[in-house]
Protein backbone atom coordinates (compact mmCIF):
# COMPACT_ATOMS: atom_id res chain seq x y z
CA UNK A 1 43.00 25.79 -34.16
CA UNK A 2 43.29 25.84 -30.35
CA UNK A 3 43.90 22.73 -28.31
CA UNK A 4 40.29 22.80 -27.04
CA UNK A 5 38.96 23.14 -30.61
CA UNK A 6 41.04 20.14 -31.78
CA UNK A 7 39.89 18.10 -28.81
CA UNK A 8 36.23 19.00 -29.51
CA UNK A 9 36.71 18.07 -33.17
CA UNK A 10 38.21 14.73 -32.15
CA UNK A 11 35.33 13.98 -29.76
CA UNK A 12 32.49 14.94 -32.08
CA UNK A 13 32.02 12.19 -34.64
CA UNK A 14 31.48 13.06 -38.30
CA UNK A 15 28.45 11.64 -40.12
CA UNK A 16 28.53 7.84 -39.72
CA UNK A 17 31.66 7.82 -37.54
CA UNK A 18 30.94 6.38 -34.09
CA UNK A 19 34.47 5.64 -32.81
CA UNK A 20 34.68 8.87 -30.78
CA UNK A 21 31.37 8.09 -29.05
CA UNK A 22 32.46 4.53 -28.26
CA UNK A 23 35.58 6.01 -26.69
CA UNK A 24 33.48 8.32 -24.52
CA UNK A 25 31.29 5.40 -23.51
CA UNK A 26 34.36 3.41 -22.51
CA UNK A 27 35.87 6.38 -20.65
CA UNK A 28 32.66 6.69 -18.68
CA UNK A 29 32.75 2.98 -17.83
CA UNK A 30 36.41 3.17 -16.72
CA UNK A 31 35.93 6.40 -14.79
CA UNK A 32 32.93 4.98 -13.00
CA UNK A 33 34.75 1.72 -12.28
CA UNK A 34 37.58 3.55 -10.58
CA UNK A 35 35.35 6.16 -8.93
CA UNK A 36 33.33 3.46 -7.17
CA UNK A 37 36.22 1.04 -6.81
CA UNK A 38 37.78 2.90 -3.91
CA UNK A 39 34.56 2.82 -1.84
CA UNK A 40 33.80 -0.74 -2.98
CA UNK A 41 36.95 -1.99 -1.29
CA UNK A 42 36.02 -0.23 1.96
CA UNK A 43 32.40 -1.41 1.78
CA UNK A 44 33.58 -4.99 1.29
CA UNK A 45 35.18 -4.92 4.74
CA UNK A 46 31.69 -4.19 6.16
CA UNK A 47 29.99 -6.83 4.01
CA UNK A 48 28.24 -4.08 2.06
CA UNK A 49 27.98 -3.29 -1.63
CA UNK A 50 27.15 -0.40 -3.96
CA UNK A 51 23.46 -0.44 -3.11
CA UNK A 52 24.37 0.17 0.56
CA UNK A 53 26.70 3.00 -0.54
CA UNK A 54 23.96 4.76 -2.51
CA UNK A 55 21.51 4.57 0.44
CA UNK A 56 24.13 5.79 2.89
CA UNK A 57 25.18 8.62 0.55
CA UNK A 58 21.68 9.98 -0.05
CA UNK A 59 20.51 9.57 3.53
CA UNK A 60 23.64 11.39 4.67
CA UNK A 61 23.08 14.21 2.19
CA UNK A 62 19.33 14.40 2.92
CA UNK A 63 18.70 13.68 6.61
CA UNK A 64 15.05 12.92 7.23
CA UNK A 65 14.52 11.65 3.68
CA UNK A 66 11.43 9.49 3.41
CA UNK A 67 11.52 6.02 1.97
CA UNK A 68 9.34 7.21 -0.95
CA UNK A 69 11.78 10.06 -1.68
CA UNK A 70 14.73 7.68 -1.57
CA UNK A 71 12.96 5.27 -3.94
CA UNK A 72 12.39 8.23 -6.31
CA UNK A 73 16.04 9.27 -6.21
CA UNK A 74 17.44 5.77 -6.71
CA UNK A 75 14.80 4.65 -9.24
CA UNK A 76 14.66 1.15 -7.74
CA UNK A 77 11.87 -1.08 -6.52
CA UNK A 78 10.69 -1.05 -2.95
CA UNK A 79 11.74 -4.73 -2.72
CA UNK A 80 15.34 -3.88 -3.74
CA UNK A 81 15.55 -1.03 -1.24
CA UNK A 82 13.93 -2.99 1.56
CA UNK A 83 16.64 -5.68 1.70
CA UNK A 84 19.47 -3.13 1.81
CA UNK A 85 17.70 -0.76 4.17
CA UNK A 86 16.78 -3.59 6.60
CA UNK A 87 20.43 -4.58 6.78
CA UNK A 88 21.66 -1.01 7.35
CA UNK A 89 19.04 -0.49 10.09
CA UNK A 90 19.77 -3.85 11.79
CA UNK A 91 23.50 -3.08 11.80
CA UNK A 92 22.86 0.41 13.23
CA UNK A 93 24.06 2.52 10.31
CA UNK A 94 20.63 3.96 9.51
CA UNK A 95 17.62 4.62 11.73
CA UNK A 96 14.03 5.02 10.64
CA UNK A 97 11.93 7.50 12.57
CA UNK A 98 8.19 8.11 12.42
CA UNK A 99 7.14 11.39 10.87
CA UNK A 100 6.04 14.19 13.19
CA UNK A 101 3.04 15.17 11.05
CA UNK A 102 2.30 11.72 9.62
CA UNK A 103 3.35 8.89 11.93
CA UNK A 104 3.02 6.39 9.06
CA UNK A 105 5.82 8.11 7.19
CA UNK A 106 9.33 6.76 7.83
CA UNK A 107 12.17 9.29 7.86
CA UNK A 108 15.70 8.03 7.43
CA UNK A 109 18.73 9.29 9.34
CA UNK A 110 22.27 8.02 9.73
CA UNK A 111 23.45 6.96 13.11
CA UNK A 112 26.88 8.15 14.34
CA UNK A 113 28.25 4.88 12.97
CA UNK A 114 26.52 5.51 9.60
CA UNK A 115 27.85 9.09 9.49
CA UNK A 116 31.36 7.85 10.06
CA UNK A 117 31.07 5.36 7.17
CA UNK A 118 29.50 8.02 4.93
CA UNK A 119 32.37 10.41 5.64
CA UNK A 120 34.97 7.70 4.95
CA UNK A 121 33.35 6.78 1.62
CA UNK A 122 32.95 10.43 0.57
CA UNK A 123 36.60 11.18 1.50
CA UNK A 124 37.79 8.48 -0.92
CA UNK A 125 35.70 9.91 -3.77
CA UNK A 126 36.56 13.51 -2.99
CA UNK A 127 40.26 12.61 -3.10
CA UNK A 128 39.85 11.12 -6.59
CA UNK A 129 37.85 14.12 -7.82
CA UNK A 130 40.34 16.58 -6.30
CA UNK A 131 43.21 14.79 -8.07
CA UNK A 132 41.36 14.87 -11.37
CA UNK A 133 40.54 18.60 -11.06
CA UNK A 134 44.18 19.35 -10.21
CA UNK A 135 45.20 17.43 -13.34
CA UNK A 136 42.73 19.03 -15.80
CA UNK A 137 42.26 22.45 -14.27
CA UNK A 138 39.14 24.26 -13.12
CA UNK A 139 37.87 25.23 -16.59
CA UNK A 140 37.83 21.62 -17.70
CA UNK A 141 36.25 20.61 -14.40
CA UNK A 142 33.44 23.13 -15.00
CA UNK A 143 32.96 21.72 -18.53
CA UNK A 144 32.89 18.19 -17.06
CA UNK A 145 30.20 19.26 -14.59
CA UNK A 146 28.10 20.73 -17.41
CA UNK A 147 28.63 17.54 -19.44
CA UNK A 148 27.51 15.33 -16.49
CA UNK A 149 24.42 17.51 -15.97
CA UNK A 150 23.61 17.22 -19.69
CA UNK A 151 23.88 13.41 -19.42
CA UNK A 152 20.98 13.36 -16.93
CA UNK A 153 17.65 12.68 -18.61
CA UNK A 154 16.02 16.05 -19.34
CA UNK A 155 12.88 15.04 -17.45
CA UNK A 156 14.91 14.55 -14.25
CA UNK A 157 17.31 17.51 -14.45
CA UNK A 158 15.14 19.93 -12.53
CA UNK A 159 14.79 17.44 -9.65
CA UNK A 160 18.58 16.95 -9.55
CA UNK A 161 19.23 20.72 -9.80
CA UNK A 162 16.77 21.31 -6.93
CA UNK A 163 18.41 18.64 -4.80
CA UNK A 164 21.90 20.05 -5.46
CA UNK A 165 20.90 23.69 -4.95
CA UNK A 166 19.25 22.87 -1.62
CA UNK A 167 22.76 22.00 -0.45
CA UNK A 168 24.41 25.04 -2.03
CA UNK A 169 26.11 22.91 -4.71
CA UNK A 170 24.53 24.03 -7.96
């Protein structure tokens, strides 16, 4: 049996055995904790949190995104977004522009200050991902990507795939 086959056998629980799945759940928690921990420490110096990071990230990756589109991506309430967005706008990290075709629509863009913060946050996460890929190798990184895509709710996968492919990432 190859190393990959033994690993797969260890990760796939037999009937009634849930330990391997609990281990995967915990690995996801710990990986996420560390993945967001680096940016969290930087955000703290700005008085921002993870909600600010998510807004900055998606506005950076999708300039001109409407508030409705951002709400759809984040799956949060308008009230939750409003507090964070107001703060980012008032501190000049994000700007809201009227739509060209529909002046009632608000399109979000990062300011130069917001772009700098977005780049700093992304650099921290890219460094962690690059280290992990160097450690596991590209084949395992491709498998991890497929695994993460499979973790997305099937009803939302096509939206995520479309968003990623529009940036040349899928």
